[in-house]
N, C-alpha and C. Protein backbone atom coordinates (compact mmCIF):
# COMPACT_ATOMS: atom_id res chain seq x y z
N MET A 1 -20.50 -26.15 0.52
CA MET A 1 -21.86 -26.39 0.12
C MET A 1 -22.11 -25.71 -1.22
N VAL A 2 -22.89 -26.38 -2.04
CA VAL A 2 -23.23 -25.88 -3.36
C VAL A 2 -24.74 -25.96 -3.54
N THR A 3 -25.30 -24.94 -4.14
CA THR A 3 -26.71 -24.96 -4.52
C THR A 3 -26.84 -24.25 -5.85
N SER A 4 -28.04 -24.30 -6.40
CA SER A 4 -28.25 -23.62 -7.68
C SER A 4 -29.27 -22.50 -7.52
N ASP A 5 -29.31 -21.63 -8.52
CA ASP A 5 -30.30 -20.56 -8.48
C ASP A 5 -31.72 -21.11 -8.55
N TYR A 6 -31.91 -22.27 -9.19
CA TYR A 6 -33.25 -22.87 -9.24
C TYR A 6 -33.66 -23.40 -7.85
N VAL A 7 -32.73 -24.03 -7.14
CA VAL A 7 -33.03 -24.53 -5.79
C VAL A 7 -33.30 -23.35 -4.86
N LEU A 8 -32.50 -22.30 -4.99
CA LEU A 8 -32.70 -21.11 -4.19
C LEU A 8 -34.09 -20.51 -4.46
N ASP A 9 -34.49 -20.49 -5.71
CA ASP A 9 -35.81 -20.01 -6.11
C ASP A 9 -36.91 -20.81 -5.40
N GLU A 10 -36.81 -22.14 -5.44
CA GLU A 10 -37.82 -23.00 -4.79
C GLU A 10 -37.85 -22.75 -3.28
N MET A 11 -36.67 -22.60 -2.69
CA MET A 11 -36.59 -22.40 -1.24
C MET A 11 -37.23 -21.08 -0.84
N ILE A 12 -36.94 -20.02 -1.58
CA ILE A 12 -37.51 -18.71 -1.27
C ILE A 12 -39.03 -18.74 -1.41
N THR A 13 -39.50 -19.36 -2.47
CA THR A 13 -40.95 -19.47 -2.67
C THR A 13 -41.60 -20.20 -1.51
N ALA A 14 -41.01 -21.32 -1.10
CA ALA A 14 -41.56 -22.11 0.02
C ALA A 14 -41.53 -21.31 1.32
N LEU A 15 -40.46 -20.58 1.56
CA LEU A 15 -40.35 -19.77 2.79
C LEU A 15 -41.49 -18.76 2.89
N PHE A 16 -41.70 -18.01 1.81
CA PHE A 16 -42.71 -16.95 1.86
C PHE A 16 -44.13 -17.51 1.96
N ARG A 17 -44.29 -18.78 1.62
CA ARG A 17 -45.61 -19.41 1.78
C ARG A 17 -45.83 -19.95 3.19
N SER A 18 -44.74 -20.15 3.94
CA SER A 18 -44.89 -20.88 5.19
C SER A 18 -44.49 -20.14 6.47
N VAL A 19 -43.78 -19.04 6.35
CA VAL A 19 -43.38 -18.31 7.56
C VAL A 19 -43.72 -16.83 7.39
N ALA A 20 -43.61 -16.11 8.49
CA ALA A 20 -43.90 -14.67 8.47
C ALA A 20 -42.97 -13.97 7.47
N PHE A 21 -43.49 -12.93 6.83
CA PHE A 21 -42.77 -12.21 5.79
C PHE A 21 -41.38 -11.78 6.25
N GLY A 22 -41.30 -11.14 7.41
CA GLY A 22 -40.02 -10.65 7.93
C GLY A 22 -39.01 -11.78 8.14
N SER A 23 -39.48 -12.90 8.63
CA SER A 23 -38.60 -14.05 8.84
C SER A 23 -38.09 -14.60 7.52
N ALA A 24 -38.97 -14.64 6.52
CA ALA A 24 -38.57 -15.12 5.19
C ALA A 24 -37.53 -14.20 4.58
N VAL A 25 -37.72 -12.89 4.72
CA VAL A 25 -36.75 -11.93 4.20
C VAL A 25 -35.41 -12.10 4.91
N GLN A 26 -35.46 -12.19 6.24
CA GLN A 26 -34.23 -12.31 7.03
C GLN A 26 -33.46 -13.58 6.66
N PHE A 27 -34.14 -14.70 6.56
CA PHE A 27 -33.47 -15.96 6.22
C PHE A 27 -32.90 -15.90 4.81
N SER A 28 -33.68 -15.39 3.87
CA SER A 28 -33.22 -15.29 2.49
C SER A 28 -31.98 -14.41 2.39
N GLU A 29 -32.01 -13.28 3.07
CA GLU A 29 -30.85 -12.37 3.03
C GLU A 29 -29.63 -12.99 3.69
N SER A 30 -29.84 -13.85 4.69
CA SER A 30 -28.68 -14.53 5.30
C SER A 30 -28.06 -15.52 4.30
N LEU A 31 -28.91 -16.15 3.49
CA LEU A 31 -28.39 -17.03 2.44
C LEU A 31 -27.62 -16.23 1.39
N PHE A 32 -28.16 -15.09 0.99
CA PHE A 32 -27.47 -14.24 0.01
C PHE A 32 -26.10 -13.81 0.55
N ALA A 33 -26.04 -13.49 1.84
CA ALA A 33 -24.77 -13.11 2.46
C ALA A 33 -23.79 -14.27 2.47
N ALA A 34 -24.30 -15.48 2.71
CA ALA A 34 -23.44 -16.66 2.70
C ALA A 34 -22.89 -16.92 1.30
N VAL A 35 -23.69 -16.65 0.28
CA VAL A 35 -23.21 -16.79 -1.10
C VAL A 35 -22.14 -15.73 -1.37
N LYS A 36 -22.42 -14.51 -0.99
CA LYS A 36 -21.48 -13.41 -1.22
C LYS A 36 -20.17 -13.66 -0.48
N GLY A 37 -20.26 -14.26 0.71
CA GLY A 37 -19.08 -14.55 1.52
C GLY A 37 -18.41 -15.86 1.16
N ASN A 38 -18.85 -16.49 0.09
CA ASN A 38 -18.29 -17.76 -0.38
C ASN A 38 -18.43 -18.92 0.60
N GLN A 39 -19.41 -18.84 1.48
CA GLN A 39 -19.71 -19.96 2.36
C GLN A 39 -20.59 -20.98 1.65
N ILE A 40 -21.37 -20.49 0.69
CA ILE A 40 -22.20 -21.33 -0.17
C ILE A 40 -21.87 -20.96 -1.60
N LYS A 41 -21.60 -21.95 -2.43
CA LYS A 41 -21.32 -21.68 -3.84
C LYS A 41 -22.64 -21.76 -4.60
N LEU A 42 -22.96 -20.71 -5.33
CA LEU A 42 -24.19 -20.65 -6.10
C LEU A 42 -23.88 -20.93 -7.56
N GLU A 43 -24.44 -22.03 -8.05
CA GLU A 43 -24.28 -22.41 -9.46
C GLU A 43 -25.50 -21.93 -10.23
N ARG A 44 -25.26 -21.33 -11.36
CA ARG A 44 -26.34 -20.85 -12.23
C ARG A 44 -26.74 -21.95 -13.20
N ILE A 45 -28.02 -22.04 -13.49
CA ILE A 45 -28.48 -22.98 -14.51
C ILE A 45 -28.31 -22.28 -15.85
N THR A 46 -27.26 -22.66 -16.53
CA THR A 46 -26.92 -22.07 -17.82
C THR A 46 -27.81 -22.67 -18.91
N GLU A 47 -27.68 -22.15 -20.10
CA GLU A 47 -28.43 -22.71 -21.22
C GLU A 47 -28.06 -24.17 -21.44
N ALA A 48 -26.78 -24.49 -21.32
CA ALA A 48 -26.34 -25.88 -21.51
C ALA A 48 -26.93 -26.80 -20.45
N ARG A 49 -26.95 -26.36 -19.22
CA ARG A 49 -27.54 -27.16 -18.14
C ARG A 49 -29.04 -27.30 -18.35
N PHE A 50 -29.68 -26.24 -18.77
CA PHE A 50 -31.12 -26.29 -19.03
C PHE A 50 -31.42 -27.33 -20.12
N LYS A 51 -30.65 -27.31 -21.18
CA LYS A 51 -30.86 -28.26 -22.28
C LYS A 51 -30.61 -29.69 -21.82
N ALA A 52 -29.58 -29.89 -21.00
CA ALA A 52 -29.30 -31.24 -20.48
C ALA A 52 -30.43 -31.70 -19.56
N ALA A 53 -30.97 -30.79 -18.76
CA ALA A 53 -32.09 -31.14 -17.89
C ALA A 53 -33.34 -31.47 -18.72
N TRP A 54 -33.53 -30.76 -19.81
CA TRP A 54 -34.67 -31.06 -20.68
C TRP A 54 -34.52 -32.45 -21.29
N SER A 55 -33.30 -32.80 -21.68
CA SER A 55 -33.04 -34.16 -22.18
C SER A 55 -33.34 -35.19 -21.11
N ALA A 56 -32.94 -34.89 -19.87
CA ALA A 56 -33.22 -35.79 -18.76
C ALA A 56 -34.72 -35.90 -18.51
N ARG A 57 -35.44 -34.77 -18.66
CA ARG A 57 -36.90 -34.80 -18.47
C ARG A 57 -37.53 -35.82 -19.43
N LYS A 58 -37.06 -35.83 -20.67
CA LYS A 58 -37.59 -36.76 -21.66
C LYS A 58 -37.12 -38.19 -21.37
N LYS A 59 -35.93 -38.34 -20.84
CA LYS A 59 -35.39 -39.66 -20.52
C LYS A 59 -36.19 -40.32 -19.40
N TYR A 60 -36.55 -39.56 -18.39
CA TYR A 60 -37.27 -40.09 -17.23
C TYR A 60 -38.78 -39.93 -17.40
N GLN A 61 -39.29 -40.33 -18.55
CA GLN A 61 -40.71 -40.17 -18.83
C GLN A 61 -41.59 -40.97 -17.89
N ASP A 62 -41.05 -42.01 -17.28
CA ASP A 62 -41.81 -42.81 -16.33
C ASP A 62 -41.83 -42.20 -14.93
N LYS A 63 -41.09 -41.11 -14.74
CA LYS A 63 -41.01 -40.45 -13.44
C LYS A 63 -41.51 -39.00 -13.57
N THR A 64 -42.77 -38.86 -13.88
CA THR A 64 -43.34 -37.54 -14.17
C THR A 64 -43.40 -36.62 -12.95
N ASP A 65 -43.26 -37.18 -11.74
CA ASP A 65 -43.34 -36.36 -10.54
C ASP A 65 -42.02 -35.67 -10.19
N ILE A 66 -40.95 -35.97 -10.91
CA ILE A 66 -39.67 -35.30 -10.66
C ILE A 66 -39.75 -33.88 -11.20
N SER A 67 -39.42 -32.92 -10.36
CA SER A 67 -39.50 -31.52 -10.79
C SER A 67 -38.35 -31.19 -11.75
N PHE A 68 -38.57 -30.17 -12.56
CA PHE A 68 -37.52 -29.73 -13.46
C PHE A 68 -36.33 -29.22 -12.66
N THR A 69 -36.60 -28.61 -11.52
CA THR A 69 -35.51 -28.16 -10.65
C THR A 69 -34.64 -29.34 -10.21
N ASP A 70 -35.28 -30.46 -9.85
CA ASP A 70 -34.51 -31.66 -9.48
C ASP A 70 -33.63 -32.09 -10.65
N LEU A 71 -34.17 -32.07 -11.83
CA LEU A 71 -33.41 -32.48 -13.01
C LEU A 71 -32.21 -31.56 -13.25
N THR A 72 -32.41 -30.25 -13.03
CA THR A 72 -31.27 -29.34 -13.18
C THR A 72 -30.22 -29.63 -12.10
N SER A 73 -30.68 -30.03 -10.93
CA SER A 73 -29.74 -30.40 -9.86
C SER A 73 -28.94 -31.64 -10.25
N PHE A 74 -29.62 -32.65 -10.79
CA PHE A 74 -28.91 -33.87 -11.22
C PHE A 74 -27.82 -33.53 -12.23
N VAL A 75 -28.18 -32.72 -13.21
CA VAL A 75 -27.24 -32.34 -14.27
C VAL A 75 -26.04 -31.58 -13.69
N THR A 76 -26.32 -30.62 -12.84
CA THR A 76 -25.26 -29.80 -12.25
C THR A 76 -24.36 -30.65 -11.36
N MET A 77 -24.95 -31.52 -10.57
CA MET A 77 -24.15 -32.38 -9.69
C MET A 77 -23.25 -33.31 -10.51
N GLN A 78 -23.77 -33.87 -11.57
CA GLN A 78 -22.96 -34.75 -12.41
C GLN A 78 -21.82 -33.96 -13.05
N GLU A 79 -22.12 -32.78 -13.55
CA GLU A 79 -21.11 -31.95 -14.19
C GLU A 79 -19.98 -31.59 -13.22
N LEU A 80 -20.35 -31.26 -11.99
CA LEU A 80 -19.36 -30.84 -10.98
C LEU A 80 -18.79 -32.01 -10.19
N GLU A 81 -19.23 -33.21 -10.54
CA GLU A 81 -18.80 -34.44 -9.87
C GLU A 81 -19.09 -34.40 -8.36
N ILE A 82 -20.30 -33.93 -8.05
CA ILE A 82 -20.79 -33.91 -6.67
C ILE A 82 -21.60 -35.19 -6.47
N ASN A 83 -21.26 -35.97 -5.45
CA ASN A 83 -21.96 -37.23 -5.26
C ASN A 83 -22.73 -37.31 -3.94
N LYS A 84 -22.66 -36.26 -3.13
CA LYS A 84 -23.42 -36.24 -1.87
C LYS A 84 -24.45 -35.13 -1.95
N VAL A 85 -25.66 -35.45 -1.51
CA VAL A 85 -26.74 -34.46 -1.55
C VAL A 85 -27.48 -34.47 -0.22
N PHE A 86 -27.68 -33.28 0.33
CA PHE A 86 -28.45 -33.13 1.55
C PHE A 86 -29.87 -32.80 1.13
N THR A 87 -30.76 -33.77 1.29
CA THR A 87 -32.14 -33.59 0.82
C THR A 87 -33.09 -34.54 1.52
N GLY A 88 -34.33 -34.16 1.52
CA GLY A 88 -35.40 -35.05 1.95
C GLY A 88 -36.23 -35.48 0.76
N ASP A 89 -35.75 -35.12 -0.43
CA ASP A 89 -36.48 -35.37 -1.68
C ASP A 89 -36.21 -36.78 -2.18
N ILE A 90 -37.24 -37.59 -2.25
CA ILE A 90 -37.14 -38.99 -2.67
C ILE A 90 -36.67 -39.16 -4.11
N HIS A 91 -36.82 -38.12 -4.91
CA HIS A 91 -36.47 -38.22 -6.34
C HIS A 91 -34.99 -38.48 -6.57
N PHE A 92 -34.14 -38.07 -5.64
CA PHE A 92 -32.71 -38.32 -5.80
C PHE A 92 -32.40 -39.81 -5.70
N GLU A 93 -33.24 -40.55 -5.00
CA GLU A 93 -33.10 -42.00 -4.94
C GLU A 93 -33.74 -42.66 -6.15
N LYS A 94 -34.85 -42.11 -6.61
CA LYS A 94 -35.59 -42.72 -7.72
C LYS A 94 -34.79 -42.79 -9.02
N VAL A 95 -33.92 -41.83 -9.25
CA VAL A 95 -33.17 -41.82 -10.51
C VAL A 95 -31.94 -42.71 -10.46
N ASN A 96 -31.51 -43.07 -9.25
CA ASN A 96 -30.41 -44.01 -9.07
C ASN A 96 -29.16 -43.60 -9.85
N LEU A 97 -28.69 -42.38 -9.61
CA LEU A 97 -27.47 -41.90 -10.25
C LEU A 97 -26.26 -42.04 -9.35
N GLY A 98 -26.43 -42.75 -8.25
CA GLY A 98 -25.31 -43.00 -7.36
C GLY A 98 -25.06 -41.92 -6.33
N PHE A 99 -26.01 -41.03 -6.12
CA PHE A 99 -25.84 -39.98 -5.13
C PHE A 99 -25.94 -40.57 -3.73
N GLU A 100 -25.08 -40.11 -2.84
CA GLU A 100 -25.20 -40.47 -1.43
C GLU A 100 -26.15 -39.46 -0.80
N ILE A 101 -27.26 -39.96 -0.28
CA ILE A 101 -28.29 -39.10 0.29
C ILE A 101 -27.99 -38.84 1.77
N LEU A 102 -27.96 -37.56 2.13
CA LEU A 102 -27.77 -37.16 3.52
C LEU A 102 -28.98 -36.35 3.95
N PRO A 103 -29.45 -36.44 5.15
CA PRO A 103 -28.97 -37.35 6.18
C PRO A 103 -29.39 -38.79 5.86
N LYS A 104 -28.59 -39.70 6.36
CA LYS A 104 -28.87 -41.12 6.11
C LYS A 104 -30.13 -41.54 6.86
N LYS A 105 -30.90 -42.41 6.22
CA LYS A 105 -32.10 -42.93 6.87
C LYS A 105 -31.70 -43.94 7.93
N ARG A 106 -32.48 -44.00 8.96
CA ARG A 106 -32.19 -44.94 10.05
C ARG A 106 -32.98 -46.20 9.84
């Protein structure tokens, strides 16, 4: 499994808004341990990835609801040749970059 520091940021923010503080801390720390133990690979959004995402932001001017984090994910996935994504985010379908969306819709 691969994620980025931007996705991790969004997830942590959402956790602390929706569950008890202690539970959010515990879950976040379990993710950090999984990264440290190489169970999850954490990709950093580098300056080059940021610039590529900014170019994508301008390219998808008709899709203003796509978050910048999503755009950084698209760029990182393309760079690493990742074609499967586990998400409930409709934006991965809207850009039509050939990602296989998991879980599959029924």
